[in-house]
Amino acid sequence: MSFRPGPQHRRIVVLSGAGLSARTGLRTFRGPDGLWSLDPQLEEAMHASALPGSIPALWRVWGDMARVAAAHGPTPGHFAIARMGAQVITQNVDGLHQAAGSEDVTELHGSARRAVCLEPRCPWTAPLEAGEGDRAEDHGAPSACPVCGAPTRPDVVLFDEQLPAAAIDRALALTREADLFVVVGSSGVVMPAAQLAPRARAAGATTVLVDIDPPREAAHGGIFDHVLRGDAHEVLPDWERARREVAANPFLDPFGGGRPAQM
């Protein structure tokens, strides 16, 4: 392994993308087997301008994503990130980081596990159940907001919608505070990774891309200090085991009560 986090890395921040959840069976949206290619009309429905007529499609697509994620559960990569105590910025909406035990998760694109009111000024929100169907009731939510009566929808960011301001502010703060910034499941060369990783590096963090097939520009673009070609579900658990062994080494921490790892 060409790089592993060391004891000097105390503030690990992970930016995750769709590739981290692909093992669960969740389809990505782009590519020859992506949802957009298989159903072009679905992509049209994902534009904010299609609301409110697109609400049944939103419940069907995002509800199905939440159902698949809940049925499979977190991947080894998700669990490793949680066990390392990393703070998470995610482009995913599947809730798998929280299910793995991560306590500090910033969701840039919202959540398919949560409902909101179509009226942006209405504060109503509610957790969703893992279901399938094109009605809010199929996912444990009312179709009409109980506060203002407007239709409800999954709390995901559509095309032509702004990312949540609070999430962006939190993500930028984390990049300033990180001493290790890791991009996993994302190419790292498109937004928001293209903005966040360079900011973290400029603030002094070591930047790492973990990708089974990293894009050429990632290695030569000056964004990442390390580009690791490998499966995140192997790389991240390896990191977590190594950190656990260091923490348990009484020679490094003689007053910590730890025991050396058994070989």
Protein backbone atom coordinates (compact mmCIF):
# COMPACT_ATOMS: atom_id res chain seq x y z
CA MET A 1 0.00 0.00 0.00
CA SER A 2 1.63 3.25 -1.10
CA PHE A 3 -0.19 5.40 1.45
CA ARG A 4 -1.89 4.91 4.79
CA PRO A 5 -3.08 7.51 7.27
CA GLY A 6 -0.60 8.03 10.09
CA PRO A 7 -0.96 9.12 13.71
CA GLN A 8 -0.48 12.71 12.54
CA HIS A 9 -3.80 12.53 10.69
CA ARG A 10 -6.32 13.45 13.37
CA ARG A 11 -8.96 15.21 11.27
CA ILE A 12 -9.89 12.88 8.42
CA VAL A 13 -12.57 14.12 6.04
CA VAL A 14 -14.01 11.81 3.36
CA LEU A 15 -15.85 13.03 0.28
CA SER A 16 -17.88 10.10 -1.06
CA GLY A 17 -19.65 9.56 -4.37
CA ALA A 18 -21.87 6.96 -5.99
CA GLY A 19 -19.04 4.47 -6.50
CA LEU A 20 -18.87 3.77 -2.76
CA SER A 21 -22.46 2.46 -2.78
CA ALA A 22 -22.33 0.60 -6.11
CA ARG A 23 -21.68 -2.72 -4.35
CA THR A 24 -25.19 -2.56 -2.87
CA GLY A 25 -26.71 -2.84 -6.35
CA LEU A 26 -27.56 0.84 -6.60
CA ARG A 27 -27.23 1.99 -10.19
CA THR A 28 -25.38 5.13 -11.06
CA PHE A 29 -27.17 7.69 -13.21
CA ARG A 30 -24.62 8.17 -15.97
CA GLY A 31 -22.92 5.67 -18.29
CA PRO A 32 -24.25 2.97 -20.63
CA ASP A 33 -25.98 1.10 -17.80
CA GLY A 34 -27.03 4.20 -15.92
CA LEU A 35 -30.61 5.18 -15.23
CA TRP A 36 -30.49 8.07 -17.67
CA SER A 37 -29.44 5.81 -20.55
CA LEU A 38 -32.02 3.15 -19.75
CA ASP A 39 -34.85 5.61 -19.32
CA PRO A 40 -34.25 9.05 -20.94
CA GLN A 41 -37.70 10.24 -19.87
CA LEU A 42 -36.64 9.70 -16.29
CA GLU A 43 -33.83 12.20 -16.68
CA GLU A 44 -36.31 14.76 -17.96
CA ALA A 45 -38.43 14.16 -14.86
CA MET A 46 -35.45 14.96 -12.63
CA HIS A 47 -35.44 18.63 -13.60
CA ALA A 48 -37.00 21.00 -11.11
CA SER A 49 -38.95 22.58 -13.96
CA ALA A 50 -40.92 19.33 -14.29
CA LEU A 51 -42.45 19.70 -10.83
CA PRO A 52 -45.10 19.04 -9.64
CA GLY A 53 -46.00 16.61 -12.43
CA SER A 54 -42.82 14.61 -11.90
CA ILE A 55 -43.53 13.83 -8.24
CA PRO A 56 -44.71 10.24 -8.91
CA ALA A 57 -41.46 9.52 -10.79
CA LEU A 58 -39.44 11.01 -7.93
CA TRP A 59 -41.13 8.79 -5.37
CA ARG A 60 -40.59 5.74 -7.55
CA VAL A 61 -36.91 6.35 -8.34
CA TRP A 62 -35.65 7.71 -5.04
CA GLY A 63 -37.88 5.45 -3.02
CA ASP A 64 -36.48 2.45 -4.83
CA MET A 65 -32.94 3.68 -4.15
CA ALA A 66 -33.68 3.98 -0.45
CA ARG A 67 -35.24 0.50 -0.44
CA VAL A 68 -32.24 -1.14 -2.15
CA ALA A 69 -29.81 0.62 0.17
CA ALA A 70 -31.75 -0.37 3.29
CA ALA A 71 -32.07 -3.99 2.15
CA HIS A 72 -28.33 -4.34 1.48
CA GLY A 73 -26.96 -2.18 4.26
CA PRO A 74 -23.60 -0.39 4.40
CA THR A 75 -20.56 -1.69 2.54
CA PRO A 76 -17.15 -2.47 4.08
CA GLY A 77 -16.04 0.96 2.90
CA HIS A 78 -18.87 2.69 4.76
CA PHE A 79 -18.08 0.76 7.95
CA ALA A 80 -14.36 1.54 7.72
CA ILE A 81 -15.03 5.26 7.30
CA ALA A 82 -17.27 5.22 10.38
CA ARG A 83 -14.80 3.24 12.50
CA MET A 84 -12.00 5.65 11.64
CA GLY A 85 -14.16 8.46 12.98
CA ALA A 86 -13.89 10.37 9.72
CA GLN A 87 -16.17 13.29 9.04
CA VAL A 88 -18.13 12.75 5.84
CA ILE A 89 -19.17 14.96 2.97
CA THR A 90 -21.29 12.90 0.60
CA GLN A 91 -22.86 13.31 -2.80
CA ASN A 92 -24.96 10.22 -2.07
CA VAL A 93 -28.54 10.30 -0.82
CA ASP A 94 -28.85 6.68 0.37
CA GLY A 95 -28.20 7.16 4.11
CA LEU A 96 -25.60 4.37 4.21
CA HIS A 97 -22.98 6.44 6.02
CA GLN A 98 -25.39 7.02 8.90
CA ALA A 99 -26.42 3.36 8.88
CA ALA A 100 -22.73 2.40 9.23
CA GLY A 101 -22.37 4.59 12.30
CA SER A 102 -20.91 7.83 10.92
CA GLU A 103 -22.11 10.63 13.19
CA ASP A 104 -20.96 13.69 11.22
CA VAL A 105 -22.38 13.45 7.70
CA THR A 106 -22.90 16.43 5.40
CA GLU A 107 -25.32 15.55 2.57
CA LEU A 108 -24.69 17.78 -0.42
CA HIS A 109 -27.54 16.38 -2.50
CA GLY A 110 -30.11 15.77 0.20
CA SER A 111 -31.53 12.42 1.28
CA ALA A 112 -33.80 9.81 -0.25
CA ARG A 113 -34.61 8.76 3.31
CA ARG A 114 -36.37 12.04 4.07
CA ALA A 115 -39.48 13.83 2.79
CA VAL A 116 -39.99 17.58 2.49
CA CYS A 117 -42.73 19.91 1.39
CA LEU A 118 -42.78 21.13 -2.21
CA GLU A 119 -43.25 24.65 -0.87
CA PRO A 120 -39.65 25.76 -0.15
CA ARG A 121 -40.68 28.13 2.61
CA CYS A 122 -42.46 25.38 4.55
CA PRO A 123 -40.32 23.80 7.32
CA TRP A 124 -42.07 20.40 7.33
CA THR A 125 -39.87 17.33 6.97
CA ALA A 126 -40.21 13.69 7.98
CA PRO A 127 -38.21 10.45 7.78
CA LEU A 128 -39.26 7.91 5.16
CA GLU A 129 -39.72 4.16 5.27
CA ALA A 130 -38.07 1.90 2.71
CA GLY A 131 -40.87 1.20 0.22
CA GLU A 132 -41.66 1.08 -3.47
CA GLY A 133 -44.30 2.82 -5.53
CA ASP A 134 -45.08 6.22 -6.98
CA ARG A 135 -47.05 7.67 -4.06
CA ALA A 136 -45.78 9.29 -0.90
CA GLU A 137 -47.90 6.88 1.12
CA ASP A 138 -45.92 3.97 -0.35
CA HIS A 139 -42.92 5.32 1.53
CA GLY A 140 -44.56 6.23 4.82
CA ALA A 141 -45.23 9.90 4.10
CA PRO A 142 -48.43 11.86 3.47
CA SER A 143 -48.95 13.09 -0.10
CA ALA A 144 -50.09 16.47 1.24
CA CYS A 145 -47.97 18.42 3.69
CA PRO A 146 -49.66 18.38 7.13
CA VAL A 147 -48.50 21.97 7.74
CA CYS A 148 -49.47 23.82 4.55
CA GLY A 149 -51.23 21.27 2.32
CA ALA A 150 -48.74 21.43 -0.57
CA PRO A 151 -47.55 18.17 -2.18
CA THR A 152 -44.63 16.36 -0.59
CA ARG A 153 -41.49 15.05 -2.32
CA PRO A 154 -38.25 13.24 -1.52
CA ASP A 155 -35.63 15.59 -0.12
CA VAL A 156 -33.15 15.24 -2.99
CA VAL A 157 -31.57 17.98 -5.07
CA LEU A 158 -32.83 18.00 -8.66
CA PHE A 159 -31.27 19.49 -11.76
CA ASP A 160 -31.62 23.28 -11.75
CA GLU A 161 -31.86 23.35 -7.94
CA GLN A 162 -29.21 24.83 -5.69
CA LEU A 163 -27.28 22.63 -3.29
CA PRO A 164 -28.33 23.29 0.32
CA ALA A 165 -26.48 26.38 1.53
CA ALA A 166 -25.94 24.93 5.00
CA ALA A 167 -24.39 21.79 3.53
CA ILE A 168 -22.06 23.80 1.30
CA ASP A 169 -20.98 25.98 4.22
CA ARG A 170 -20.31 22.91 6.35
CA ALA A 171 -18.37 21.19 3.55
CA LEU A 172 -16.17 24.25 3.07
CA ALA A 173 -15.52 24.44 6.81
CA LEU A 174 -14.48 20.79 6.90
CA THR A 175 -12.03 21.29 4.04
CA ARG A 176 -10.35 24.07 6.01
CA GLU A 177 -10.08 21.92 9.15
CA ALA A 178 -8.98 18.60 7.61
CA ASP A 179 -5.43 17.31 7.81
CA LEU A 180 -6.33 14.37 5.52
CA PHE A 181 -8.94 14.79 2.76
CA VAL A 182 -9.97 11.59 0.97
CA VAL A 183 -12.14 11.36 -2.15
CA VAL A 184 -13.68 7.93 -2.69
CA GLY A 185 -16.36 6.70 -5.11
CA SER A 186 -16.05 9.88 -7.16
CA SER A 187 -13.70 10.89 -9.95
CA GLY A 188 -12.53 13.85 -7.94
CA VAL A 189 -12.36 16.05 -11.03
CA VAL A 190 -15.99 17.20 -11.20
CA MET A 191 -17.97 19.38 -8.84
CA PRO A 192 -17.99 19.45 -5.89
CA ALA A 193 -14.77 17.43 -5.58
CA ALA A 194 -13.08 19.73 -8.07
CA GLN A 195 -13.67 22.58 -5.61
CA LEU A 196 -13.27 20.87 -2.25
CA ALA A 197 -10.10 18.81 -2.70
CA PRO A 198 -7.98 21.75 -3.93
CA ARG A 199 -9.28 23.91 -1.08
CA ALA A 200 -8.32 21.23 1.44
CA ARG A 201 -4.85 20.92 -0.09
CA ALA A 202 -4.36 24.68 -0.05
CA ALA A 203 -5.28 24.69 3.65
CA GLY A 204 -2.54 22.15 4.37
CA ALA A 205 -4.33 18.79 4.16
CA THR A 206 -2.90 15.71 2.50
CA THR A 207 -5.28 14.87 -0.36
CA VAL A 208 -5.93 11.32 -1.54
CA LEU A 209 -8.09 9.84 -4.30
CA VAL A 210 -9.11 6.19 -3.95
CA ASP A 211 -10.51 4.81 -7.19
CA ILE A 212 -10.42 1.42 -8.88
CA ASP A 213 -9.86 3.20 -12.22
CA PRO A 214 -8.77 6.77 -11.50
CA PRO A 215 -9.04 9.26 -14.36
CA ARG A 216 -5.77 10.29 -15.93
CA GLU A 217 -6.26 13.94 -15.08
CA ALA A 218 -6.55 13.09 -11.38
CA ALA A 219 -2.94 11.94 -11.26
CA HIS A 220 -1.59 14.91 -13.20
CA GLY A 221 -3.91 17.72 -12.20
CA GLY A 222 -2.13 18.75 -9.02
CA ILE A 223 -5.24 18.15 -6.90
CA PHE A 224 -4.14 14.99 -5.08
CA ASP A 225 -0.96 14.15 -3.23
CA HIS A 226 -1.73 10.44 -3.63
CA VAL A 227 -3.87 8.62 -6.21
CA LEU A 228 -4.53 5.04 -5.10
CA ARG A 229 -5.72 2.61 -7.73
CA GLY A 230 -7.74 0.07 -5.78
CA ASP A 231 -11.08 -1.09 -4.45
CA ALA A 232 -12.25 1.24 -1.69
CA HIS A 233 -13.80 -1.74 0.09
CA GLU A 234 -10.30 -3.15 0.47
CA VAL A 235 -8.28 0.04 0.84
CA LEU A 236 -10.40 1.68 3.54
CA PRO A 237 -10.72 -1.40 5.79
CA ASP A 238 -6.93 -1.80 5.49
CA TRP A 239 -6.52 1.78 6.69
CA GLU A 240 -8.92 1.22 9.55
CA ARG A 241 -7.13 -1.95 10.71
CA ALA A 242 -3.77 -0.19 10.58
CA ARG A 243 -5.06 2.73 12.65
CA ARG A 244 -6.58 0.35 15.18
CA GLU A 245 -3.27 -1.49 15.59
CA VAL A 246 -1.40 1.78 16.11
CA ALA A 247 -3.92 2.93 18.69
CA ALA A 248 -3.62 -0.39 20.55
CA ASN A 249 0.21 -0.43 20.60
CA PRO A 250 1.37 0.09 24.22
CA PHE A 251 4.84 1.10 23.05
CA LEU A 252 3.32 4.10 21.27
CA ASP A 253 0.74 4.78 23.97
CA PRO A 254 2.06 3.22 27.22
CA PHE A 255 -0.73 4.71 29.35
CA GLY A 256 -3.60 3.88 27.03
CA GLY A 257 -4.21 0.38 28.31
CA GLY A 258 -4.15 -1.03 24.78
CA ARG A 259 -2.80 -4.42 23.77
CA PRO A 260 -0.62 -5.15 20.74
CA ALA A 261 -2.46 -6.53 17.75
CA GLN A 262 -2.24 -10.31 17.47
CA MET A 263 -0.37 -11.54 14.43
